[in-house]
Amino acid sequence: MSDAPRDPIAACAEMVQKGDPDRFLATMTGEVDERKRLFPLYAFNLEIARAPFMSQEPMVAMIRLQFWRDVIEAAVDGREAPKHDVATPLSQLVIWGDLRAEPLLTMVDARESDVQDAQRRAVDQIRAYLRGTSGALMLAAGQATGLTDFEGDHAKDQALTDLGEAAGIANWLMSQPALQAAGRGHVMPDTDTIRVLARAGLKLFDDARGVLGREGNAALRCAWRTRPILRQVEKSPGAVADGSVGQSEFARRGTLLWCSLSGKW
């Protein structure tokens, strides 16, 4: 007897649970339809984020990223990707109008710079990279969950991208010890850079909340740790280098539970 067909949404959810547990928890606070759209998007994000680091050969990484570019561009033309746990549901979301192609392609562009070992040391360089990755991801998630329509709303699109950039800054600062341990020439940012980034992230977060309001959904709740982390870094920038940035498990889960029960973010 043959095995039952593999559910691609379940496969994407499993990938996100293992590779991006914060986004998994936040997504699970959403409605079923939201989860069906967000899990393929977040699994795609993991796939392209890993691509530059899965081989020492830049050409291999670029081929992996080109695969995803081809999937997205084909979906724009109405062509569904061949059977694949992530590519197939992602392409369907683009074809059906649940996801715009532009933010997805922006994310691929940003990851190509990882393949090229781009050194980002100036604040503007770091922020541009995080806007192209985390910012574009939040924009896509917001569009997928109905926070902005397919044609786009400039103010909301800007706010979603700002929120994503703020979340990206928090996550990037929190991941500094791991990035340094991974090698590839990564240089720990100095104290001034850390403090400037934290303050910029807090302003982006507050500006985004001013436009988007306090009512939340699964996409917005992915940023539930952003403000506490950025405030911690602003007060103690040295915590970035020693790896002590973050919340206790109780605070991490408790805050998300409050957001979910209250309908806020």
C-alpha atoms as a PDB file:
ATOM      1  CA  MET A   1       0.000   0.000   0.000  1.00  0.00           C
ATOM      2  CA  SER A   2       1.405   3.384  -0.971  1.00  0.00           C
ATOM      3  CA  ASP A   3       1.824   6.165   1.556  1.00  0.00           C
ATOM      4  CA  ALA A   4      -0.758   8.930   1.689  1.00  0.00           C
ATOM      5  CA  PRO A   5       0.190  12.033  -0.316  1.00  0.00           C
ATOM      6  CA  ARG A   6       2.301  14.453   1.666  1.00  0.00           C
ATOM      7  CA  ASP A   7       0.479  17.629   2.660  1.00  0.00           C
ATOM      8  CA  PRO A   8       2.730  20.508   1.503  1.00  0.00           C
ATOM      9  CA  ILE A   9       1.286  22.970   4.047  1.00  0.00           C
ATOM     10  CA  ALA A  10       2.050  20.537   6.867  1.00  0.00           C
ATOM     11  CA  ALA A  11       5.542  20.060   5.440  1.00  0.00           C
ATOM     12  CA  CYS A  12       6.077  23.834   5.380  1.00  0.00           C
ATOM     13  CA  ALA A  13       4.769  24.135   8.950  1.00  0.00           C
ATOM     14  CA  GLU A  14       7.166  21.434  10.116  1.00  0.00           C
ATOM     15  CA  MET A  15      10.069  23.210   8.430  1.00  0.00           C
ATOM     16  CA  VAL A  16       9.158  26.524  10.077  1.00  0.00           C
ATOM     17  CA  GLN A  17       8.691  24.881  13.468  1.00  0.00           C
ATOM     18  CA  LYS A  18      12.231  23.517  13.316  1.00  0.00           C
ATOM     19  CA  GLY A  19      13.978  26.411  11.609  1.00  0.00           C
ATOM     20  CA  ASP A  20      12.082  29.504  12.791  1.00  0.00           C
ATOM     21  CA  PRO A  21      10.282  28.670  16.058  1.00  0.00           C
ATOM     22  CA  ASP A  22       9.272  32.270  16.846  1.00  0.00           C
ATOM     23  CA  ARG A  23       7.440  32.682  13.545  1.00  0.00           C
ATOM     24  CA  PHE A  24       5.912  29.244  13.997  1.00  0.00           C
ATOM     25  CA  LEU A  25       4.457  30.184  17.391  1.00  0.00           C
ATOM     26  CA  ALA A  26       3.165  33.507  16.088  1.00  0.00           C
ATOM     27  CA  THR A  27       1.599  31.876  13.037  1.00  0.00           C
ATOM     28  CA  MET A  28      -0.188  29.334  15.199  1.00  0.00           C
ATOM     29  CA  THR A  29      -2.094  32.215  16.844  1.00  0.00           C
ATOM     30  CA  GLY A  30      -3.748  32.955  13.505  1.00  0.00           C
ATOM     31  CA  GLU A  31      -6.782  31.639  11.687  1.00  0.00           C
ATOM     32  CA  VAL A  32      -6.445  28.451   9.657  1.00  0.00           C
ATOM     33  CA  ASP A  33      -6.535  30.373   6.354  1.00  0.00           C
ATOM     34  CA  GLU A  34      -3.758  32.670   7.595  1.00  0.00           C
ATOM     35  CA  ARG A  35      -1.600  29.687   8.486  1.00  0.00           C
ATOM     36  CA  LYS A  36      -2.097  28.142   5.052  1.00  0.00           C
ATOM     37  CA  ARG A  37      -0.726  31.287   3.444  1.00  0.00           C
ATOM     38  CA  LEU A  38       2.014  32.113   5.948  1.00  0.00           C
ATOM     39  CA  PHE A  39       3.679  28.725   6.363  1.00  0.00           C
ATOM     40  CA  PRO A  40       4.715  28.426   2.667  1.00  0.00           C
ATOM     41  CA  LEU A  41       5.983  32.021   2.761  1.00  0.00           C
ATOM     42  CA  TYR A  42       8.062  31.439   5.894  1.00  0.00           C
ATOM     43  CA  ALA A  43       9.363  28.117   4.576  1.00  0.00           C
ATOM     44  CA  PHE A  44      10.454  29.939   1.412  1.00  0.00           C
ATOM     45  CA  ASN A  45      12.237  32.486   3.585  1.00  0.00           C
ATOM     46  CA  LEU A  46      14.152  29.676   5.304  1.00  0.00           C
ATOM     47  CA  GLU A  47      15.074  28.095   1.985  1.00  0.00           C
ATOM     48  CA  ILE A  48      16.595  31.250   0.541  1.00  0.00           C
ATOM     49  CA  ALA A  49      18.240  32.248   3.843  1.00  0.00           C
ATOM     50  CA  ARG A  50      20.045  28.912   3.985  1.00  0.00           C
ATOM     51  CA  ALA A  51      21.014  28.781   0.317  1.00  0.00           C
ATOM     52  CA  PRO A  52      24.182  30.923   0.580  1.00  0.00           C
ATOM     53  CA  PHE A  53      25.498  28.775   3.437  1.00  0.00           C
ATOM     54  CA  MET A  54      24.797  25.286   2.094  1.00  0.00           C
ATOM     55  CA  SER A  55      27.864  25.147  -0.120  1.00  0.00           C
ATOM     56  CA  GLN A  56      31.349  26.604  -0.263  1.00  0.00           C
ATOM     57  CA  GLU A  57      30.809  27.084  -3.991  1.00  0.00           C
ATOM     58  CA  PRO A  58      29.124  30.437  -4.760  1.00  0.00           C
ATOM     59  CA  MET A  59      27.826  29.108  -8.071  1.00  0.00           C
ATOM     60  CA  VAL A  60      25.899  26.323  -6.301  1.00  0.00           C
ATOM     61  CA  ALA A  61      24.260  28.858  -4.000  1.00  0.00           C
ATOM     62  CA  MET A  62      23.379  31.130  -6.910  1.00  0.00           C
ATOM     63  CA  ILE A  63      21.775  28.200  -8.733  1.00  0.00           C
ATOM     64  CA  ARG A  64      19.625  27.494  -5.664  1.00  0.00           C
ATOM     65  CA  LEU A  65      18.508  31.115  -5.522  1.00  0.00           C
ATOM     66  CA  GLN A  66      17.871  31.183  -9.272  1.00  0.00           C
ATOM     67  CA  PHE A  67      15.540  28.215  -8.809  1.00  0.00           C
ATOM     68  CA  TRP A  68      13.379  30.312  -6.490  1.00  0.00           C
ATOM     69  CA  ARG A  69      13.506  33.312  -8.791  1.00  0.00           C
ATOM     70  CA  ASP A  70      12.317  31.094 -11.640  1.00  0.00           C
ATOM     71  CA  VAL A  71       9.478  29.693  -9.493  1.00  0.00           C
ATOM     72  CA  ILE A  72       8.223  33.192  -8.661  1.00  0.00           C
ATOM     73  CA  GLU A  73       8.543  34.570 -12.172  1.00  0.00           C
ATOM     74  CA  ALA A  74       6.784  31.522 -13.638  1.00  0.00           C
ATOM     75  CA  ALA A  75       3.951  31.959 -11.145  1.00  0.00           C
ATOM     76  CA  VAL A  76       3.496  35.556 -12.296  1.00  0.00           C
ATOM     77  CA  ASP A  77       2.859  34.078 -15.748  1.00  0.00           C
ATOM     78  CA  GLY A  78       0.364  31.618 -14.253  1.00  0.00           C
ATOM     79  CA  ARG A  79       2.602  28.545 -14.243  1.00  0.00           C
ATOM     80  CA  GLU A  80       2.565  26.414 -11.089  1.00  0.00           C
ATOM     81  CA  ALA A  81       5.845  24.974  -9.846  1.00  0.00           C
ATOM     82  CA  PRO A  82       6.408  21.215 -10.230  1.00  0.00           C
ATOM     83  CA  LYS A  83       5.630  19.090  -7.179  1.00  0.00           C
ATOM     84  CA  HIS A  84       7.716  20.465  -4.297  1.00  0.00           C
ATOM     85  CA  ASP A  85       6.853  20.895  -0.607  1.00  0.00           C
ATOM     86  CA  VAL A  86       7.558  24.639  -0.637  1.00  0.00           C
ATOM     87  CA  ALA A  87       7.743  25.784  -4.252  1.00  0.00           C
ATOM     88  CA  THR A  88       4.342  24.392  -5.236  1.00  0.00           C
ATOM     89  CA  PRO A  89       2.227  26.094  -2.530  1.00  0.00           C
ATOM     90  CA  LEU A  90       4.285  29.277  -2.839  1.00  0.00           C
ATOM     91  CA  SER A  91       3.668  29.441  -6.581  1.00  0.00           C
ATOM     92  CA  GLN A  92      -0.046  28.816  -6.029  1.00  0.00           C
ATOM     93  CA  LEU A  93      -0.245  31.767  -3.647  1.00  0.00           C
ATOM     94  CA  VAL A  94       1.316  34.028  -6.282  1.00  0.00           C
ATOM     95  CA  ILE A  95      -0.978  32.692  -9.021  1.00  0.00           C
ATOM     96  CA  TRP A  96      -4.076  33.130  -6.848  1.00  0.00           C
ATOM     97  CA  GLY A  97      -3.131  36.682  -5.909  1.00  0.00           C
ATOM     98  CA  ASP A  98      -2.482  35.951  -2.224  1.00  0.00           C
ATOM     99  CA  LEU A  99       1.153  37.026  -2.560  1.00  0.00           C
ATOM    100  CA  ARG A 100       2.780  39.694  -4.679  1.00  0.00           C
ATOM    101  CA  ALA A 101       5.917  38.706  -6.522  1.00  0.00           C
ATOM    102  CA  GLU A 102       7.846  41.920  -5.848  1.00  0.00           C
ATOM    103  CA  PRO A 103       8.634  41.404  -2.137  1.00  0.00           C
ATOM    104  CA  LEU A 104       9.610  37.794  -2.810  1.00  0.00           C
ATOM    105  CA  LEU A 105      12.040  38.816  -5.539  1.00  0.00           C
ATOM    106  CA  THR A 106      13.440  41.537  -3.271  1.00  0.00           C
ATOM    107  CA  MET A 107      14.203  38.838  -0.697  1.00  0.00           C
ATOM    108  CA  VAL A 108      16.004  36.723  -3.296  1.00  0.00           C
ATOM    109  CA  ASP A 109      18.049  39.755  -4.394  1.00  0.00           C
ATOM    110  CA  ALA A 110      19.143  40.385  -0.812  1.00  0.00           C
ATOM    111  CA  ARG A 111      20.203  36.773  -0.299  1.00  0.00           C
ATOM    112  CA  GLU A 112      22.307  36.906  -3.441  1.00  0.00           C
ATOM    113  CA  SER A 113      24.427  39.504  -1.665  1.00  0.00           C
ATOM    114  CA  ASP A 114      25.100  36.873   1.036  1.00  0.00           C
ATOM    115  CA  VAL A 115      26.558  34.619  -1.641  1.00  0.00           C
ATOM    116  CA  GLN A 116      28.875  37.435  -2.653  1.00  0.00           C
ATOM    117  CA  ASP A 117      30.063  37.780   0.982  1.00  0.00           C
ATOM    118  CA  ALA A 118      28.987  41.404   1.091  1.00  0.00           C
ATOM    119  CA  GLN A 119      30.426  43.075   4.178  1.00  0.00           C
ATOM    120  CA  ARG A 120      27.866  45.308   5.853  1.00  0.00           C
ATOM    121  CA  ARG A 121      29.460  47.473   8.523  1.00  0.00           C
ATOM    122  CA  ALA A 122      27.886  50.895   8.078  1.00  0.00           C
ATOM    123  CA  VAL A 123      24.448  51.435   9.579  1.00  0.00           C
ATOM    124  CA  ASP A 124      22.921  52.262   6.190  1.00  0.00           C
ATOM    125  CA  GLN A 125      24.290  49.042   4.667  1.00  0.00           C
ATOM    126  CA  ILE A 126      22.970  46.902   7.500  1.00  0.00           C
ATOM    127  CA  ARG A 127      19.573  48.536   7.421  1.00  0.00           C
ATOM    128  CA  ALA A 128      19.241  48.189   3.646  1.00  0.00           C
ATOM    129  CA  TYR A 129      19.981  44.479   3.908  1.00  0.00           C
ATOM    130  CA  LEU A 130      17.489  43.938   6.740  1.00  0.00           C
ATOM    131  CA  ARG A 131      14.847  45.939   4.880  1.00  0.00           C
ATOM    132  CA  GLY A 132      15.349  43.712   1.835  1.00  0.00           C
ATOM    133  CA  THR A 133      15.043  40.530   3.888  1.00  0.00           C
ATOM    134  CA  SER A 134      12.924  40.935   7.013  1.00  0.00           C
ATOM    135  CA  GLY A 135      11.192  44.081   5.751  1.00  0.00           C
ATOM    136  CA  ALA A 136      10.125  42.496   2.480  1.00  0.00           C
ATOM    137  CA  LEU A 137       9.047  39.353   4.334  1.00  0.00           C
ATOM    138  CA  MET A 138       6.725  41.316   6.637  1.00  0.00           C
ATOM    139  CA  LEU A 139       5.289  43.171   3.651  1.00  0.00           C
ATOM    140  CA  ALA A 140       4.544  39.843   1.947  1.00  0.00           C
ATOM    141  CA  ALA A 141       3.046  38.426   5.146  1.00  0.00           C
ATOM    142  CA  GLY A 142       0.853  41.480   5.579  1.00  0.00           C
ATOM    143  CA  GLN A 143      -0.402  41.227   2.035  1.00  0.00           C
ATOM    144  CA  ALA A 144      -1.028  37.494   2.439  1.00  0.00           C
ATOM    145  CA  THR A 145      -3.183  38.114   5.514  1.00  0.00           C
ATOM    146  CA  GLY A 146      -5.194  40.991   4.088  1.00  0.00           C
ATOM    147  CA  LEU A 147      -3.503  43.936   5.804  1.00  0.00           C
ATOM    148  CA  THR A 148      -2.905  45.542   2.427  1.00  0.00           C
ATOM    149  CA  ASP A 149      -4.601  44.743  -0.863  1.00  0.00           C
ATOM    150  CA  PHE A 150      -2.959  43.271  -3.932  1.00  0.00           C
ATOM    151  CA  GLU A 151      -2.533  46.633  -5.657  1.00  0.00           C
ATOM    152  CA  GLY A 152      -0.900  47.971  -2.493  1.00  0.00           C
ATOM    153  CA  ASP A 153      -1.569  50.796  -0.072  1.00  0.00           C
ATOM    154  CA  HIS A 154       1.497  53.024   0.175  1.00  0.00           C
ATOM    155  CA  ALA A 155       1.117  53.966   3.834  1.00  0.00           C
ATOM    156  CA  LYS A 156       0.395  50.417   4.970  1.00  0.00           C
ATOM    157  CA  ASP A 157       3.071  48.923   2.735  1.00  0.00           C
ATOM    158  CA  GLN A 158       5.608  51.356   4.170  1.00  0.00           C
ATOM    159  CA  ALA A 159       4.496  50.570   7.735  1.00  0.00           C
ATOM    160  CA  LEU A 160       4.702  46.818   7.182  1.00  0.00           C
ATOM    161  CA  THR A 161       8.178  47.129   5.701  1.00  0.00           C
ATOM    162  CA  ASP A 162       9.222  49.388   8.588  1.00  0.00           C
ATOM    163  CA  LEU A 163       7.938  46.848  11.095  1.00  0.00           C
ATOM    164  CA  GLY A 164       9.772  44.055   9.311  1.00  0.00           C
ATOM    165  CA  GLU A 165      12.987  46.052   9.296  1.00  0.00           C
ATOM    166  CA  ALA A 166      12.614  46.722  13.040  1.00  0.00           C
ATOM    167  CA  ALA A 167      12.114  43.009  13.673  1.00  0.00           C
ATOM    168  CA  GLY A 168      15.085  42.272  11.450  1.00  0.00           C
ATOM    169  CA  ILE A 169      17.291  44.643  13.440  1.00  0.00           C
ATOM    170  CA  ALA A 170      16.269  42.946  16.701  1.00  0.00           C
ATOM    171  CA  ASN A 171      16.902  39.467  15.315  1.00  0.00           C
ATOM    172  CA  TRP A 172      20.194  40.488  13.691  1.00  0.00           C
ATOM    173  CA  LEU A 173      21.511  41.964  16.924  1.00  0.00           C
ATOM    174  CA  MET A 174      20.397  38.919  18.885  1.00  0.00           C
ATOM    175  CA  SER A 175      22.164  36.600  16.416  1.00  0.00           C
ATOM    176  CA  GLN A 176      25.555  38.320  16.473  1.00  0.00           C
ATOM    177  CA  PRO A 177      27.409  35.620  18.471  1.00  0.00           C
ATOM    178  CA  ALA A 178      26.120  32.922  16.115  1.00  0.00           C
ATOM    179  CA  LEU A 179      27.070  34.946  13.033  1.00  0.00           C
ATOM    180  CA  GLN A 180      30.555  35.494  14.370  1.00  0.00           C
ATOM    181  CA  ALA A 181      30.944  31.804  15.207  1.00  0.00           C
ATOM    182  CA  ALA A 182      29.896  30.893  11.665  1.00  0.00           C
ATOM    183  CA  GLY A 183      32.892  32.784  10.289  1.00  0.00           C
ATOM    184  CA  ARG A 184      32.712  34.033   6.694  1.00  0.00           C
ATOM    185  CA  GLY A 185      34.462  37.233   7.772  1.00  0.00           C
ATOM    186  CA  HIS A 186      31.628  38.525   9.934  1.00  0.00           C
ATOM    187  CA  VAL A 187      32.659  41.468  12.106  1.00  0.00           C
ATOM    188  CA  MET A 188      30.816  42.262  15.347  1.00  0.00           C
ATOM    189  CA  PRO A 189      29.336  45.808  15.157  1.00  0.00           C
ATOM    190  CA  ASP A 190      30.760  48.364  17.555  1.00  0.00           C
ATOM    191  CA  THR A 191      28.812  49.855  20.446  1.00  0.00           C
ATOM    192  CA  ASP A 192      27.852  53.036  18.587  1.00  0.00           C
ATOM    193  CA  THR A 193      26.508  51.071  15.625  1.00  0.00           C
ATOM    194  CA  ILE A 194      24.524  48.789  17.919  1.00  0.00           C
ATOM    195  CA  ARG A 195      22.959  51.697  19.769  1.00  0.00           C
ATOM    196  CA  VAL A 196      22.089  53.560  16.548  1.00  0.00           C
ATOM    197  CA  LEU A 197      20.464  50.436  15.111  1.00  0.00           C
ATOM    198  CA  ALA A 198      18.450  49.821  18.266  1.00  0.00           C
ATOM    199  CA  ARG A 199      17.150  53.394  18.308  1.00  0.00           C
ATOM    200  CA  ALA A 200      16.332  53.260  14.598  1.00  0.00           C
ATOM    201  CA  GLY A 201      14.463  49.993  15.133  1.00  0.00           C
ATOM    202  CA  LEU A 202      12.418  51.437  17.987  1.00  0.00           C
ATOM    203  CA  LYS A 203      11.396  54.427  15.858  1.00  0.00           C
ATOM    204  CA  LEU A 204      10.449  52.160  12.956  1.00  0.00           C
ATOM    205  CA  PHE A 205       8.394  49.994  15.295  1.00  0.00           C
ATOM    206  CA  ASP A 206       6.533  52.932  16.814  1.00  0.00           C
ATOM    207  CA  ASP A 207       5.923  54.533  13.417  1.00  0.00           C
ATOM    208  CA  ALA A 208       4.544  51.260  12.060  1.00  0.00           C
ATOM    209  CA  ARG A 209       2.217  50.840  15.033  1.00  0.00           C
ATOM    210  CA  GLY A 210       0.953  54.370  14.490  1.00  0.00           C
ATOM    211  CA  VAL A 211      -0.189  53.414  10.983  1.00  0.00           C
ATOM    212  CA  LEU A 212      -1.242  49.807  11.532  1.00  0.00           C
ATOM    213  CA  GLY A 213      -2.898  50.244  14.926  1.00  0.00           C
ATOM    214  CA  ARG A 214      -2.820  47.810  17.835  1.00  0.00           C
ATOM    215  CA  GLU A 215      -5.186  45.154  16.491  1.00  0.00           C
ATOM    216  CA  GLY A 216      -3.039  42.199  15.499  1.00  0.00           C
ATOM    217  CA  ASN A 217      -2.989  39.101  13.380  1.00  0.00           C
ATOM    218  CA  ALA A 218      -0.569  36.225  12.877  1.00  0.00           C
ATOM    219  CA  ALA A 219       1.693  38.254  10.583  1.00  0.00           C
ATOM    220  CA  LEU A 220       2.052  41.230  12.926  1.00  0.00           C
ATOM    221  CA  ARG A 221       2.567  39.009  15.962  1.00  0.00           C
ATOM    222  CA  CYS A 222       5.791  37.742  14.428  1.00  0.00           C
ATOM    223  CA  ALA A 223       7.237  41.016  15.750  1.00  0.00           C
ATOM    224  CA  TRP A 224       6.032  40.419  19.306  1.00  0.00           C
ATOM    225  CA  ARG A 225       9.576  40.299  20.738  1.00  0.00           C
ATOM    226  CA  THR A 226      10.941  43.224  18.756  1.00  0.00           C
ATOM    227  CA  ARG A 227      10.328  46.142  21.084  1.00  0.00           C
ATOM    228  CA  PRO A 228      11.522  44.458  24.322  1.00  0.00           C
ATOM    229  CA  ILE A 229      14.715  43.286  22.613  1.00  0.00           C
ATOM    230  CA  LEU A 230      15.479  46.677  21.084  1.00  0.00           C
ATOM    231  CA  ARG A 231      14.862  48.430  24.396  1.00  0.00           C
ATOM    232  CA  GLN A 232      17.205  45.986  26.108  1.00  0.00           C
ATOM    233  CA  VAL A 233      19.917  46.597  23.513  1.00  0.00           C
ATOM    234  CA  GLU A 234      19.487  50.374  23.673  1.00  0.00           C
ATOM    235  CA  LYS A 235      20.105  50.273  27.424  1.00  0.00           C
ATOM    236  CA  SER A 236      22.864  47.627  27.356  1.00  0.00           C
ATOM    237  CA  PRO A 237      24.560  47.468  23.932  1.00  0.00           C
ATOM    238  CA  GLY A 238      27.286  45.268  25.398  1.00  0.00           C
ATOM    239  CA  ALA A 239      24.729  42.496  25.780  1.00  0.00           C
ATOM    240  CA  VAL A 240      24.922  41.935  22.012  1.00  0.00           C
ATOM    241  CA  ALA A 241      28.525  40.732  22.123  1.00  0.00           C
ATOM    242  CA  ASP A 242      28.122  38.505  25.156  1.00  0.00           C
ATOM    243  CA  GLY A 243      24.974  36.840  23.799  1.00  0.00           C
ATOM    244  CA  SER A 244      22.682  37.846  26.663  1.00  0.00           C
ATOM    245  CA  VAL A 245      20.112  39.624  24.488  1.00  0.00           C
ATOM    246  CA  GLY A 246      16.669  38.104  24.683  1.00  0.00           C
ATOM    247  CA  GLN A 247      13.825  37.213  27.014  1.00  0.00           C
ATOM    248  CA  SER A 248      13.243  34.362  29.411  1.00  0.00           C
ATOM    249  CA  GLU A 249      11.140  31.521  28.030  1.00  0.00           C
ATOM    250  CA  PHE A 250       8.321  32.512  30.384  1.00  0.00           C
ATOM    251  CA  ALA A 251       8.345  36.124  29.163  1.00  0.00           C
ATOM    252  CA  ARG A 252       8.688  35.072  25.524  1.00  0.00           C
ATOM    253  CA  ARG A 253       5.675  32.753  25.529  1.00  0.00           C
ATOM    254  CA  GLY A 254       3.681  34.775  28.045  1.00  0.00           C
ATOM    255  CA  THR A 255       3.808  37.949  25.952  1.00  0.00           C
ATOM    256  CA  LEU A 256       2.707  36.094  22.826  1.00  0.00           C
ATOM    257  CA  LEU A 257      -0.127  34.436  24.734  1.00  0.00           C
ATOM    258  CA  TRP A 258      -1.320  37.852  25.941  1.00  0.00           C
ATOM    259  CA  CYS A 259      -1.183  39.202  22.380  1.00  0.00           C
ATOM    260  CA  SER A 260      -3.173  36.248  21.085  1.00  0.00           C
ATOM    261  CA  LEU A 261      -5.853  36.365  23.806  1.00  0.00           C
ATOM    262  CA  SER A 262      -6.254  40.136  23.538  1.00  0.00           C
ATOM    263  CA  GLY A 263      -6.166  40.240  19.750  1.00  0.00           C
ATOM    264  CA  LYS A 264      -3.263  42.718  19.879  1.00  0.00           C
ATOM    265  CA  TRP A 265       0.362  42.657  18.698  1.00  0.00           C
END
